[in-house]
Amino acid sequence: MNSLPIALSCGEPAGVGLELSLKAWTNLRADIPFFLIADRRHVSALNSDIPFVEITTPNQTATACQNGMPLLHHEFLALNLPGHPDRNNAQCVIDVIRQAVDLVQTGHAAAICTNPIHKKALQDGAGFAYPGHTEFLGHLGGVDRPVMMLAAPGLRVVPVTIHIALSKVAAALTPDLLEQTIRITHHDLQRRFHLPNPRIAVAGLNPHAGESGAMGNEEITLIAPVLERLRTEGFEITGPLSADTMFHPEARAAYDVAICMYHDQALIPLKTLDFHGGTNITLGLPFIRTSPDHGTAFDIAGKGIANPSSLIAALKQAHAMAKT
């Protein structure tokens, strides 16, 4: 069993991540040891009644978390104003993510959990060259194709294309991308979730899964051949299926993961089922990474009303994956 703590990156300090981290500690305390990598000034500025304890190394986490949220200080260039990201802090946000990954890869942490970032703030302030967390973590882990899986009780979903415009999905969807996404998902469900023969349901791209070509041909020309090839290797796959009939309770009981063709096709059903409790899990990495399934929420940052349920679920998920 892995007894190392979880490294929690601060994300965008002007968002809700810092206050959610403190709230998560009040719920988890010593049950799931984690430490937050952030600037002590940013956390102090929240004026929260929830205590934090500064540490200098991750191995101090277990003792510190008895008395407050363990904080590993990482100095930022600018102070923090909730709801208003400062471009001078952009590179520091990126550096914290790098530090968290390094701590896992060097054996000082069991997994990383990431608070939300604001991609435009990072692009404007530091020339961030990645569409999102998932792609950046793939770069740090030396992985060409990290896979984003969203999970909540009763449903796991994987979008094949992620952070691109809907108008670009059809062109981006290739047989190789679909096959590699399914293979990585299958492998990590076996390795990380201990499902010996994962049941995989695959959505079509078009309404009614193309309805035999009447509403699009991608199901016939692209998706079905990939699925048939994987079935011959022993994969338990159904599809391509009409996405509008895949997510009712009886349908969900028949599979372990739903492979979807684009971002909203996957995330809308999951967030409808469990808006506050969903978690983001990156598959295909050489380390464990989870994240809450929400953004920076600038509109409520600093008001003390943000719901910590998704971050708590993400920390619990990282802990469960690291234990085995």
C-alpha atoms as a PDB file:
ATOM      1  CA  MET A   1       0.000   0.000   0.000  1.00  0.00           C
ATOM      2  CA  ASN A   2       1.300   3.458  -0.933  1.00  0.00           C
ATOM      3  CA  SER A   3       1.526   5.681   2.174  1.00  0.00           C
ATOM      4  CA  LEU A   4       2.888   8.753   0.402  1.00  0.00           C
ATOM      5  CA  PRO A   5       0.785  11.943   0.400  1.00  0.00           C
ATOM      6  CA  ILE A   6      -1.002  13.470  -2.569  1.00  0.00           C
ATOM      7  CA  ALA A   7       0.454  16.629  -4.113  1.00  0.00           C
ATOM      8  CA  LEU A   8      -2.291  19.209  -4.746  1.00  0.00           C
ATOM      9  CA  SER A   9      -1.384  22.041  -7.103  1.00  0.00           C
ATOM     10  CA  CYS A  10      -2.945  25.434  -6.406  1.00  0.00           C
ATOM     11  CA  GLY A  11      -4.141  26.124  -9.964  1.00  0.00           C
ATOM     12  CA  GLU A  12      -5.185  29.692 -10.718  1.00  0.00           C
ATOM     13  CA  PRO A  13      -4.877  31.487  -7.349  1.00  0.00           C
ATOM     14  CA  ALA A  14      -7.586  34.019  -8.274  1.00  0.00           C
ATOM     15  CA  GLY A  15     -10.101  31.177  -8.637  1.00  0.00           C
ATOM     16  CA  VAL A  16     -11.776  28.961  -6.067  1.00  0.00           C
ATOM     17  CA  GLY A  17      -8.974  26.401  -5.769  1.00  0.00           C
ATOM     18  CA  LEU A  18      -7.337  27.740  -2.612  1.00  0.00           C
ATOM     19  CA  GLU A  19     -10.535  28.005  -0.598  1.00  0.00           C
ATOM     20  CA  LEU A  20     -11.685  24.595  -1.819  1.00  0.00           C
ATOM     21  CA  SER A  21      -8.375  23.097  -0.715  1.00  0.00           C
ATOM     22  CA  LEU A  22      -8.924  24.350   2.822  1.00  0.00           C
ATOM     23  CA  LYS A  23     -12.494  23.042   2.817  1.00  0.00           C
ATOM     24  CA  ALA A  24     -11.274  19.667   1.545  1.00  0.00           C
ATOM     25  CA  TRP A  25      -8.900  19.399   4.498  1.00  0.00           C
ATOM     26  CA  THR A  26     -11.769  19.986   6.948  1.00  0.00           C
ATOM     27  CA  ASN A  27     -13.563  17.018   5.381  1.00  0.00           C
ATOM     28  CA  LEU A  28     -10.606  14.648   4.938  1.00  0.00           C
ATOM     29  CA  ARG A  29      -8.099  15.753   7.593  1.00  0.00           C
ATOM     30  CA  ALA A  30      -5.698  12.874   8.249  1.00  0.00           C
ATOM     31  CA  ASP A  31      -7.805  10.244   6.476  1.00  0.00           C
ATOM     32  CA  ILE A  32      -6.317  11.164   3.100  1.00  0.00           C
ATOM     33  CA  PRO A  33      -3.053  13.067   3.604  1.00  0.00           C
ATOM     34  CA  PHE A  34      -2.408  15.732   0.983  1.00  0.00           C
ATOM     35  CA  PHE A  35      -0.377  18.916   0.798  1.00  0.00           C
ATOM     36  CA  LEU A  36      -1.135  22.044  -1.195  1.00  0.00           C
ATOM     37  CA  ILE A  37       1.603  23.708  -3.257  1.00  0.00           C
ATOM     38  CA  ALA A  38       0.825  27.429  -3.166  1.00  0.00           C
ATOM     39  CA  ASP A  39       2.029  30.831  -2.010  1.00  0.00           C
ATOM     40  CA  ARG A  40       1.497  31.260   1.751  1.00  0.00           C
ATOM     41  CA  ARG A  41       0.474  34.901   1.164  1.00  0.00           C
ATOM     42  CA  HIS A  42      -2.365  33.830  -1.138  1.00  0.00           C
ATOM     43  CA  VAL A  43      -3.718  31.365   1.407  1.00  0.00           C
ATOM     44  CA  SER A  44      -3.352  33.826   4.289  1.00  0.00           C
ATOM     45  CA  ALA A  45      -5.207  36.484   2.295  1.00  0.00           C
ATOM     46  CA  LEU A  46      -8.349  34.326   2.296  1.00  0.00           C
ATOM     47  CA  ASN A  47      -8.800  35.221   5.994  1.00  0.00           C
ATOM     48  CA  SER A  48     -10.234  31.760   6.555  1.00  0.00           C
ATOM     49  CA  ASP A  49     -10.822  30.254   9.976  1.00  0.00           C
ATOM     50  CA  ILE A  50      -9.500  26.953   8.597  1.00  0.00           C
ATOM     51  CA  PRO A  51      -5.850  26.528   9.654  1.00  0.00           C
ATOM     52  CA  PHE A  52      -2.910  25.627   7.459  1.00  0.00           C
ATOM     53  CA  VAL A  53       0.494  24.317   8.520  1.00  0.00           C
ATOM     54  CA  GLU A  54       3.546  25.155   6.456  1.00  0.00           C
ATOM     55  CA  ILE A  55       5.838  22.237   5.608  1.00  0.00           C
ATOM     56  CA  THR A  56       9.215  22.148   3.886  1.00  0.00           C
ATOM     57  CA  THR A  57       9.104  18.568   2.549  1.00  0.00           C
ATOM     58  CA  PRO A  58       6.231  16.228   1.611  1.00  0.00           C
ATOM     59  CA  ASN A  59       7.237  13.698   4.264  1.00  0.00           C
ATOM     60  CA  GLN A  60       6.011  16.154   6.914  1.00  0.00           C
ATOM     61  CA  THR A  61       2.445  15.928   5.584  1.00  0.00           C
ATOM     62  CA  ALA A  62       1.120  13.167   7.822  1.00  0.00           C
ATOM     63  CA  THR A  63       2.075  15.020  11.001  1.00  0.00           C
ATOM     64  CA  ALA A  64       1.020  18.455   9.751  1.00  0.00           C
ATOM     65  CA  CYS A  65      -2.421  17.406   8.547  1.00  0.00           C
ATOM     66  CA  GLN A  66      -3.411  16.540  12.112  1.00  0.00           C
ATOM     67  CA  ASN A  67      -3.489  20.268  12.861  1.00  0.00           C
ATOM     68  CA  GLY A  68      -4.226  22.005   9.569  1.00  0.00           C
ATOM     69  CA  MET A  69      -3.927  21.811   5.811  1.00  0.00           C
ATOM     70  CA  PRO A  70      -0.269  21.140   4.943  1.00  0.00           C
ATOM     71  CA  LEU A  71       1.141  23.890   2.713  1.00  0.00           C
ATOM     72  CA  LEU A  72       4.339  23.619   0.684  1.00  0.00           C
ATOM     73  CA  HIS A  73       5.235  27.238  -0.079  1.00  0.00           C
ATOM     74  CA  HIS A  74       5.887  28.267  -3.678  1.00  0.00           C
ATOM     75  CA  GLU A  75       6.446  31.985  -4.057  1.00  0.00           C
ATOM     76  CA  PHE A  76       4.415  33.830  -6.688  1.00  0.00           C
ATOM     77  CA  LEU A  77       5.347  37.160  -8.239  1.00  0.00           C
ATOM     78  CA  ALA A  78       2.114  38.991  -7.450  1.00  0.00           C
ATOM     79  CA  LEU A  79      -0.424  39.103  -4.666  1.00  0.00           C
ATOM     80  CA  ASN A  80      -3.822  37.593  -5.236  1.00  0.00           C
ATOM     81  CA  LEU A  81      -7.199  39.238  -5.837  1.00  0.00           C
ATOM     82  CA  PRO A  82     -10.034  36.680  -6.025  1.00  0.00           C
ATOM     83  CA  GLY A  83     -11.823  36.786  -9.353  1.00  0.00           C
ATOM     84  CA  HIS A  84      -9.065  38.766 -11.083  1.00  0.00           C
ATOM     85  CA  PRO A  85      -6.138  36.706 -12.430  1.00  0.00           C
ATOM     86  CA  ASP A  86      -2.805  38.518 -12.591  1.00  0.00           C
ATOM     87  CA  ARG A  87      -0.752  37.708 -15.681  1.00  0.00           C
ATOM     88  CA  ASN A  88       2.421  38.060 -13.585  1.00  0.00           C
ATOM     89  CA  ASN A  89       1.434  34.864 -11.774  1.00  0.00           C
ATOM     90  CA  ALA A  90       0.925  32.779 -14.924  1.00  0.00           C
ATOM     91  CA  GLN A  91       4.401  31.234 -15.054  1.00  0.00           C
ATOM     92  CA  CYS A  92       4.218  30.440 -11.347  1.00  0.00           C
ATOM     93  CA  VAL A  93       0.984  28.483 -11.891  1.00  0.00           C
ATOM     94  CA  ILE A  94       2.762  26.452 -14.565  1.00  0.00           C
ATOM     95  CA  ASP A  95       5.814  25.952 -12.358  1.00  0.00           C
ATOM     96  CA  VAL A  96       3.659  24.585  -9.520  1.00  0.00           C
ATOM     97  CA  ILE A  97       2.250  21.940 -11.861  1.00  0.00           C
ATOM     98  CA  ARG A  98       5.788  21.006 -12.881  1.00  0.00           C
ATOM     99  CA  GLN A  99       6.806  20.797  -9.227  1.00  0.00           C
ATOM    100  CA  ALA A 100       3.884  18.513  -8.384  1.00  0.00           C
ATOM    101  CA  VAL A 101       4.742  16.182 -11.252  1.00  0.00           C
ATOM    102  CA  ASP A 102       8.406  16.148 -10.254  1.00  0.00           C
ATOM    103  CA  LEU A 103       7.502  15.224  -6.674  1.00  0.00           C
ATOM    104  CA  VAL A 104       5.489  12.248  -7.897  1.00  0.00           C
ATOM    105  CA  GLN A 105       8.092  11.115 -10.401  1.00  0.00           C
ATOM    106  CA  THR A 106      10.865  11.296  -7.806  1.00  0.00           C
ATOM    107  CA  GLY A 107       8.896   9.260  -5.277  1.00  0.00           C
ATOM    108  CA  HIS A 108       7.952  12.011  -2.816  1.00  0.00           C
ATOM    109  CA  ALA A 109       4.213  11.923  -3.531  1.00  0.00           C
ATOM    110  CA  ALA A 110       1.812   9.152  -4.467  1.00  0.00           C
ATOM    111  CA  ALA A 111      -0.254  11.105  -7.007  1.00  0.00           C
ATOM    112  CA  ILE A 112      -1.102  14.596  -8.089  1.00  0.00           C
ATOM    113  CA  CYS A 113      -4.441  16.335  -7.870  1.00  0.00           C
ATOM    114  CA  THR A 114      -4.737  19.611  -9.737  1.00  0.00           C
ATOM    115  CA  ASN A 115      -6.878  22.621  -8.901  1.00  0.00           C
ATOM    116  CA  PRO A 116      -8.378  24.364 -11.955  1.00  0.00           C
ATOM    117  CA  ILE A 117      -6.277  26.614 -14.159  1.00  0.00           C
ATOM    118  CA  HIS A 118      -7.454  29.435 -16.400  1.00  0.00           C
ATOM    119  CA  LYS A 119      -6.028  28.686 -19.816  1.00  0.00           C
ATOM    120  CA  LYS A 120      -6.375  32.192 -21.262  1.00  0.00           C
ATOM    121  CA  ALA A 121      -4.590  33.705 -18.255  1.00  0.00           C
ATOM    122  CA  LEU A 122      -1.710  31.282 -18.796  1.00  0.00           C
ATOM    123  CA  GLN A 123      -1.623  31.978 -22.529  1.00  0.00           C
ATOM    124  CA  ASP A 124      -1.656  35.741 -22.020  1.00  0.00           C
ATOM    125  CA  GLY A 125       0.838  35.772 -19.176  1.00  0.00           C
ATOM    126  CA  ALA A 126       3.248  32.970 -20.059  1.00  0.00           C
ATOM    127  CA  GLY A 127       2.557  31.889 -23.645  1.00  0.00           C
ATOM    128  CA  PHE A 128       1.106  28.571 -22.441  1.00  0.00           C
ATOM    129  CA  ALA A 129       1.165  26.383 -25.547  1.00  0.00           C
ATOM    130  CA  TYR A 130      -1.268  23.650 -24.504  1.00  0.00           C
ATOM    131  CA  PRO A 131      -5.058  23.448 -24.842  1.00  0.00           C
ATOM    132  CA  GLY A 132      -5.376  22.413 -21.199  1.00  0.00           C
ATOM    133  CA  HIS A 133      -4.055  20.548 -18.180  1.00  0.00           C
ATOM    134  CA  THR A 134      -4.387  17.140 -19.827  1.00  0.00           C
ATOM    135  CA  GLU A 135      -2.132  17.948 -22.765  1.00  0.00           C
ATOM    136  CA  PHE A 136       0.453  19.701 -20.580  1.00  0.00           C
ATOM    137  CA  LEU A 137       0.625  16.739 -18.207  1.00  0.00           C
ATOM    138  CA  GLY A 138       1.092  14.465 -21.193  1.00  0.00           C
ATOM    139  CA  HIS A 139       4.081  16.583 -22.196  1.00  0.00           C
ATOM    140  CA  LEU A 140       5.534  16.422 -18.686  1.00  0.00           C
ATOM    141  CA  GLY A 141       5.004  12.664 -18.573  1.00  0.00           C
ATOM    142  CA  GLY A 142       6.513  12.077 -22.013  1.00  0.00           C
ATOM    143  CA  VAL A 143       3.180  10.833 -23.382  1.00  0.00           C
ATOM    144  CA  ASP A 144       1.934  11.788 -26.843  1.00  0.00           C
ATOM    145  CA  ARG A 145      -1.705  10.960 -26.224  1.00  0.00           C
ATOM    146  CA  PRO A 146      -2.975  11.383 -22.698  1.00  0.00           C
ATOM    147  CA  VAL A 147      -6.647  10.508 -22.367  1.00  0.00           C
ATOM    148  CA  MET A 148      -9.171  12.469 -20.312  1.00  0.00           C
ATOM    149  CA  MET A 149     -11.687  10.388 -18.388  1.00  0.00           C
ATOM    150  CA  LEU A 150     -14.474  11.924 -16.306  1.00  0.00           C
ATOM    151  CA  ALA A 151     -15.945   9.781 -13.565  1.00  0.00           C
ATOM    152  CA  ALA A 152     -18.841   9.903 -11.129  1.00  0.00           C
ATOM    153  CA  PRO A 153     -20.657   7.118  -9.294  1.00  0.00           C
ATOM    154  CA  GLY A 154     -22.330   5.043 -11.996  1.00  0.00           C
ATOM    155  CA  LEU A 155     -20.656   6.596 -15.040  1.00  0.00           C
ATOM    156  CA  ARG A 156     -17.226   6.957 -16.651  1.00  0.00           C
ATOM    157  CA  VAL A 157     -16.872   8.868 -19.919  1.00  0.00           C
ATOM    158  CA  VAL A 158     -13.936   9.488 -22.257  1.00  0.00           C
ATOM    159  CA  PRO A 159     -14.044  12.112 -25.039  1.00  0.00           C
ATOM    160  CA  VAL A 160     -11.903  11.181 -28.042  1.00  0.00           C
ATOM    161  CA  THR A 161     -11.458  14.815 -29.088  1.00  0.00           C
ATOM    162  CA  ILE A 162     -11.200  17.247 -26.214  1.00  0.00           C
ATOM    163  CA  HIS A 163     -10.601  20.993 -26.235  1.00  0.00           C
ATOM    164  CA  ILE A 164     -11.351  21.885 -29.835  1.00  0.00           C
ATOM    165  CA  ALA A 165     -14.206  23.689 -31.551  1.00  0.00           C
ATOM    166  CA  LEU A 166     -17.177  21.540 -32.523  1.00  0.00           C
ATOM    167  CA  SER A 167     -16.682  22.572 -36.147  1.00  0.00           C
ATOM    168  CA  LYS A 168     -13.264  20.869 -36.110  1.00  0.00           C
ATOM    169  CA  VAL A 169     -14.300  17.569 -34.523  1.00  0.00           C
ATOM    170  CA  ALA A 170     -15.056  15.594 -37.701  1.00  0.00           C
ATOM    171  CA  ALA A 171     -11.682  16.467 -39.252  1.00  0.00           C
ATOM    172  CA  ALA A 172      -9.791  15.705 -36.028  1.00  0.00           C
ATOM    173  CA  LEU A 173     -11.484  12.342 -35.541  1.00  0.00           C
ATOM    174  CA  THR A 174      -9.268   9.719 -37.189  1.00  0.00           C
ATOM    175  CA  PRO A 175      -9.163   5.923 -36.969  1.00  0.00           C
ATOM    176  CA  ASP A 176      -5.776   6.092 -35.259  1.00  0.00           C
ATOM    177  CA  LEU A 177      -6.953   8.616 -32.648  1.00  0.00           C
ATOM    178  CA  LEU A 178     -10.060   6.565 -31.884  1.00  0.00           C
ATOM    179  CA  GLU A 179      -8.125   3.300 -31.657  1.00  0.00           C
ATOM    180  CA  GLN A 180      -5.409   4.712 -29.420  1.00  0.00           C
ATOM    181  CA  THR A 181      -7.972   6.342 -27.127  1.00  0.00           C
ATOM    182  CA  ILE A 182      -9.789   3.034 -26.706  1.00  0.00           C
ATOM    183  CA  ARG A 183      -6.559   1.098 -26.169  1.00  0.00           C
ATOM    184  CA  ILE A 184      -5.285   3.515 -23.509  1.00  0.00           C
ATOM    185  CA  THR A 185      -8.658   3.514 -21.767  1.00  0.00           C
ATOM    186  CA  HIS A 186      -8.830  -0.290 -21.840  1.00  0.00           C
ATOM    187  CA  HIS A 187      -5.279  -0.600 -20.498  1.00  0.00           C
ATOM    188  CA  ASP A 188      -5.754   1.834 -17.616  1.00  0.00           C
ATOM    189  CA  LEU A 189      -9.123   0.402 -16.603  1.00  0.00           C
ATOM    190  CA  GLN A 190      -7.267  -2.874 -16.211  1.00  0.00           C
ATOM    191  CA  ARG A 191      -4.175  -1.377 -14.525  1.00  0.00           C
ATOM    192  CA  ARG A 192      -5.652   1.404 -12.379  1.00  0.00           C
ATOM    193  CA  PHE A 193      -9.210   0.171 -11.793  1.00  0.00           C
ATOM    194  CA  HIS A 194      -8.628  -3.604 -11.797  1.00  0.00           C
ATOM    195  CA  LEU A 195     -11.273  -4.447 -14.395  1.00  0.00           C
ATOM    196  CA  PRO A 196      -9.888  -7.534 -16.155  1.00  0.00           C
ATOM    197  CA  ASN A 197     -12.137  -7.200 -19.219  1.00  0.00           C
ATOM    198  CA  PRO A 198     -13.588  -3.680 -19.373  1.00  0.00           C
ATOM    199  CA  ARG A 199     -16.947  -3.286 -21.097  1.00  0.00           C
ATOM    200  CA  ILE A 200     -16.648  -0.386 -23.510  1.00  0.00           C
ATOM    201  CA  ALA A 201     -19.567   1.404 -25.183  1.00  0.00           C
ATOM    202  CA  VAL A 202     -18.733   3.692 -28.105  1.00  0.00           C
ATOM    203  CA  ALA A 203     -20.955   6.544 -29.250  1.00  0.00           C
ATOM    204  CA  GLY A 204     -21.455   7.554 -32.821  1.00  0.00           C
ATOM    205  CA  LEU A 205     -20.581  11.017 -34.046  1.00  0.00           C
ATOM    206  CA  ASN A 206     -23.844  11.880 -35.755  1.00  0.00           C
ATOM    207  CA  PRO A 207     -27.472  11.931 -34.563  1.00  0.00           C
ATOM    208  CA  HIS A 208     -28.847   8.374 -34.272  1.00  0.00           C
ATOM    209  CA  ALA A 209     -25.286   7.129 -34.950  1.00  0.00           C
ATOM    210  CA  GLY A 210     -25.699   8.223 -38.549  1.00  0.00           C
ATOM    211  CA  GLU A 211     -28.859   6.133 -39.097  1.00  0.00           C
ATOM    212  CA  SER A 212     -27.188   3.829 -41.656  1.00  0.00           C
ATOM    213  CA  GLY A 213     -25.634   6.754 -43.487  1.00  0.00           C
ATOM    214  CA  ALA A 214     -28.726   8.932 -43.724  1.00  0.00           C
ATOM    215  CA  MET A 215     -27.304  11.430 -41.210  1.00  0.00           C
ATOM    216  CA  GLY A 216     -23.584  10.956 -41.771  1.00  0.00           C
ATOM    217  CA  ASN A 217     -21.091   8.282 -42.785  1.00  0.00           C
ATOM    218  CA  GLU A 218     -18.424   8.472 -40.071  1.00  0.00           C
ATOM    219  CA  GLU A 219     -19.975   5.577 -38.158  1.00  0.00           C
ATOM    220  CA  ILE A 220     -19.706   3.336 -41.237  1.00  0.00           C
ATOM    221  CA  THR A 221     -16.379   4.473 -42.667  1.00  0.00           C
ATOM    222  CA  LEU A 222     -14.409   5.331 -39.534  1.00  0.00           C
ATOM    223  CA  ILE A 223     -15.835   4.130 -36.224  1.00  0.00           C
ATOM    224  CA  ALA A 224     -17.227   0.671 -37.018  1.00  0.00           C
ATOM    225  CA  PRO A 225     -14.032  -0.664 -38.688  1.00  0.00           C
ATOM    226  CA  VAL A 226     -11.937   0.321 -35.652  1.00  0.00           C
ATOM    227  CA  LEU A 227     -14.360  -1.361 -33.267  1.00  0.00           C
ATOM    228  CA  GLU A 228     -14.488  -4.529 -35.342  1.00  0.00           C
ATOM    229  CA  ARG A 229     -10.701  -4.747 -35.426  1.00  0.00           C
ATOM    230  CA  LEU A 230     -10.501  -4.404 -31.633  1.00  0.00           C
ATOM    231  CA  ARG A 231     -13.239  -7.008 -31.153  1.00  0.00           C
ATOM    232  CA  THR A 232     -11.117  -9.527 -33.024  1.00  0.00           C
ATOM    233  CA  GLU A 233      -8.425  -8.942 -30.364  1.00  0.00           C
ATOM    234  CA  GLY A 234     -10.874  -9.735 -27.564  1.00  0.00           C
ATOM    235  CA  PHE A 235     -12.042  -6.242 -26.576  1.00  0.00           C
ATOM    236  CA  GLU A 236     -15.606  -6.215 -25.251  1.00  0.00           C
ATOM    237  CA  ILE A 237     -17.019  -3.301 -27.252  1.00  0.00           C
ATOM    238  CA  THR A 238     -20.497  -2.223 -28.283  1.00  0.00           C
ATOM    239  CA  GLY A 239     -21.223   0.479 -30.849  1.00  0.00           C
ATOM    240  CA  PRO A 240     -21.285   2.758 -32.579  1.00  0.00           C
ATOM    241  CA  LEU A 241     -24.351   3.670 -30.527  1.00  0.00           C
ATOM    242  CA  SER A 242     -26.756   6.569 -30.682  1.00  0.00           C
ATOM    243  CA  ALA A 243     -25.531   8.936 -27.986  1.00  0.00           C
ATOM    244  CA  ASP A 244     -29.050   9.980 -26.985  1.00  0.00           C
ATOM    245  CA  THR A 245     -29.851   6.456 -25.738  1.00  0.00           C
ATOM    246  CA  MET A 246     -26.557   5.657 -23.972  1.00  0.00           C
ATOM    247  CA  PHE A 247     -26.964   7.342 -20.634  1.00  0.00           C
ATOM    248  CA  HIS A 248     -30.215   6.237 -19.036  1.00  0.00           C
ATOM    249  CA  PRO A 249     -29.801   3.882 -16.040  1.00  0.00           C
ATOM    250  CA  GLU A 250     -30.391   0.610 -17.895  1.00  0.00           C
ATOM    251  CA  ALA A 251     -27.906   1.542 -20.612  1.00  0.00           C
ATOM    252  CA  ARG A 252     -25.220   2.626 -18.130  1.00  0.00           C
ATOM    253  CA  ALA A 253     -25.469  -0.710 -16.320  1.00  0.00           C
ATOM    254  CA  ALA A 254     -24.239  -2.474 -19.447  1.00  0.00           C
ATOM    255  CA  TYR A 255     -20.808  -0.854 -19.706  1.00  0.00           C
ATOM    256  CA  ASP A 256     -17.832   0.292 -17.614  1.00  0.00           C
ATOM    257  CA  VAL A 257     -16.929   3.300 -19.756  1.00  0.00           C
ATOM    258  CA  ALA A 258     -18.499   5.288 -22.571  1.00  0.00           C
ATOM    259  CA  ILE A 259     -16.206   6.499 -25.345  1.00  0.00           C
ATOM    260  CA  CYS A 260     -17.619   9.703 -26.819  1.00  0.00           C
ATOM    261  CA  MET A 261     -16.568  11.544 -29.944  1.00  0.00           C
ATOM    262  CA  TYR A 262     -16.322  15.072 -28.546  1.00  0.00           C
ATOM    263  CA  HIS A 263     -16.156  17.048 -25.320  1.00  0.00           C
ATOM    264  CA  ASP A 264     -19.797  17.938 -24.646  1.00  0.00           C
ATOM    265  CA  GLN A 265     -21.123  14.562 -25.780  1.00  0.00           C
ATOM    266  CA  ALA A 266     -19.202  13.116 -22.812  1.00  0.00           C
ATOM    267  CA  LEU A 267     -19.431  15.858 -20.209  1.00  0.00           C
ATOM    268  CA  ILE A 268     -23.089  16.857 -20.466  1.00  0.00           C
ATOM    269  CA  PRO A 269     -24.466  13.484 -19.263  1.00  0.00           C
ATOM    270  CA  LEU A 270     -21.860  13.201 -16.501  1.00  0.00           C
ATOM    271  CA  LYS A 271     -22.429  16.719 -15.178  1.00  0.00           C
ATOM    272  CA  THR A 272     -26.177  16.228 -15.392  1.00  0.00           C
ATOM    273  CA  LEU A 273     -25.915  13.104 -13.246  1.00  0.00           C
ATOM    274  CA  ASP A 274     -23.487  14.539 -10.688  1.00  0.00           C
ATOM    275  CA  PHE A 275     -22.619  18.190 -11.208  1.00  0.00           C
ATOM    276  CA  HIS A 276     -20.700  18.635  -7.962  1.00  0.00           C
ATOM    277  CA  GLY A 277     -19.114  15.214  -7.528  1.00  0.00           C
ATOM    278  CA  GLY A 278     -17.508  14.402 -10.877  1.00  0.00           C
ATOM    279  CA  THR A 279     -13.756  13.938 -11.165  1.00  0.00           C
ATOM    280  CA  ASN A 280     -11.286  14.268 -14.014  1.00  0.00           C
ATOM    281  CA  ILE A 281      -8.746  11.433 -14.325  1.00  0.00           C
ATOM    282  CA  THR A 282      -5.932  11.484 -16.874  1.00  0.00           C
ATOM    283  CA  LEU A 283      -5.249   8.063 -18.366  1.00  0.00           C
ATOM    284  CA  GLY A 284      -2.073   6.980 -20.121  1.00  0.00           C
ATOM    285  CA  LEU A 285       0.329   8.879 -17.843  1.00  0.00           C
ATOM    286  CA  PRO A 286       3.216   7.267 -15.941  1.00  0.00           C
ATOM    287  CA  PHE A 287       1.745   8.778 -12.748  1.00  0.00           C
ATOM    288  CA  ILE A 288      -1.706   9.212 -11.207  1.00  0.00           C
ATOM    289  CA  ARG A 289      -3.490  12.495 -11.824  1.00  0.00           C
ATOM    290  CA  THR A 290      -6.978  13.541 -10.817  1.00  0.00           C
ATOM    291  CA  SER A 291      -8.766  16.877 -10.751  1.00  0.00           C
ATOM    292  CA  PRO A 292     -12.125  18.351  -9.817  1.00  0.00           C
ATOM    293  CA  ASP A 293     -14.489  18.571 -12.742  1.00  0.00           C
ATOM    294  CA  HIS A 294     -15.058  22.324 -12.720  1.00  0.00           C
ATOM    295  CA  GLY A 295     -13.283  25.533 -13.586  1.00  0.00           C
ATOM    296  CA  THR A 296     -11.894  28.516 -11.707  1.00  0.00           C
ATOM    297  CA  ALA A 297     -15.351  30.015 -10.977  1.00  0.00           C
ATOM    298  CA  PHE A 298     -14.092  33.602 -10.831  1.00  0.00           C
ATOM    299  CA  ASP A 299     -17.628  34.865 -10.219  1.00  0.00           C
ATOM    300  CA  ILE A 300     -17.761  33.282  -6.756  1.00  0.00           C
ATOM    301  CA  ALA A 301     -14.048  33.213  -5.868  1.00  0.00           C
ATOM    302  CA  GLY A 302     -13.326  34.600  -2.425  1.00  0.00           C
ATOM    303  CA  LYS A 303     -16.964  34.527  -1.326  1.00  0.00           C
ATOM    304  CA  GLY A 304     -16.653  31.287   0.639  1.00  0.00           C
ATOM    305  CA  ILE A 305     -19.593  29.630  -1.125  1.00  0.00           C
ATOM    306  CA  ALA A 306     -17.759  27.311  -3.554  1.00  0.00           C
ATOM    307  CA  ASN A 307     -18.699  23.634  -3.195  1.00  0.00           C
ATOM    308  CA  PRO A 308     -15.700  21.374  -2.398  1.00  0.00           C
ATOM    309  CA  SER A 309     -17.435  18.096  -3.313  1.00  0.00           C
ATOM    310  CA  SER A 310     -15.610  17.586  -6.620  1.00  0.00           C
ATOM    311  CA  LEU A 311     -12.173  18.312  -5.148  1.00  0.00           C
ATOM    312  CA  ILE A 312     -12.882  15.980  -2.229  1.00  0.00           C
ATOM    313  CA  ALA A 313     -13.944  13.274  -4.699  1.00  0.00           C
ATOM    314  CA  ALA A 314     -10.797  13.868  -6.771  1.00  0.00           C
ATOM    315  CA  LEU A 315      -8.538  13.519  -3.728  1.00  0.00           C
ATOM    316  CA  LYS A 316     -10.370  10.351  -2.675  1.00  0.00           C
ATOM    317  CA  GLN A 317     -10.021   8.980  -6.213  1.00  0.00           C
ATOM    318  CA  ALA A 318      -6.281   9.689  -6.289  1.00  0.00           C
ATOM    319  CA  HIS A 319      -5.874   8.034  -2.896  1.00  0.00           C
ATOM    320  CA  ALA A 320      -7.814   4.947  -3.973  1.00  0.00           C
ATOM    321  CA  MET A 321      -5.796   4.590  -7.177  1.00  0.00           C
ATOM    322  CA  ALA A 322      -2.485   5.025  -5.331  1.00  0.00           C
ATOM    323  CA  LYS A 323      -3.316   2.417  -2.698  1.00  0.00           C
ATOM    324  CA  THR A 324      -3.192  -0.460  -5.168  1.00  0.00           C
END
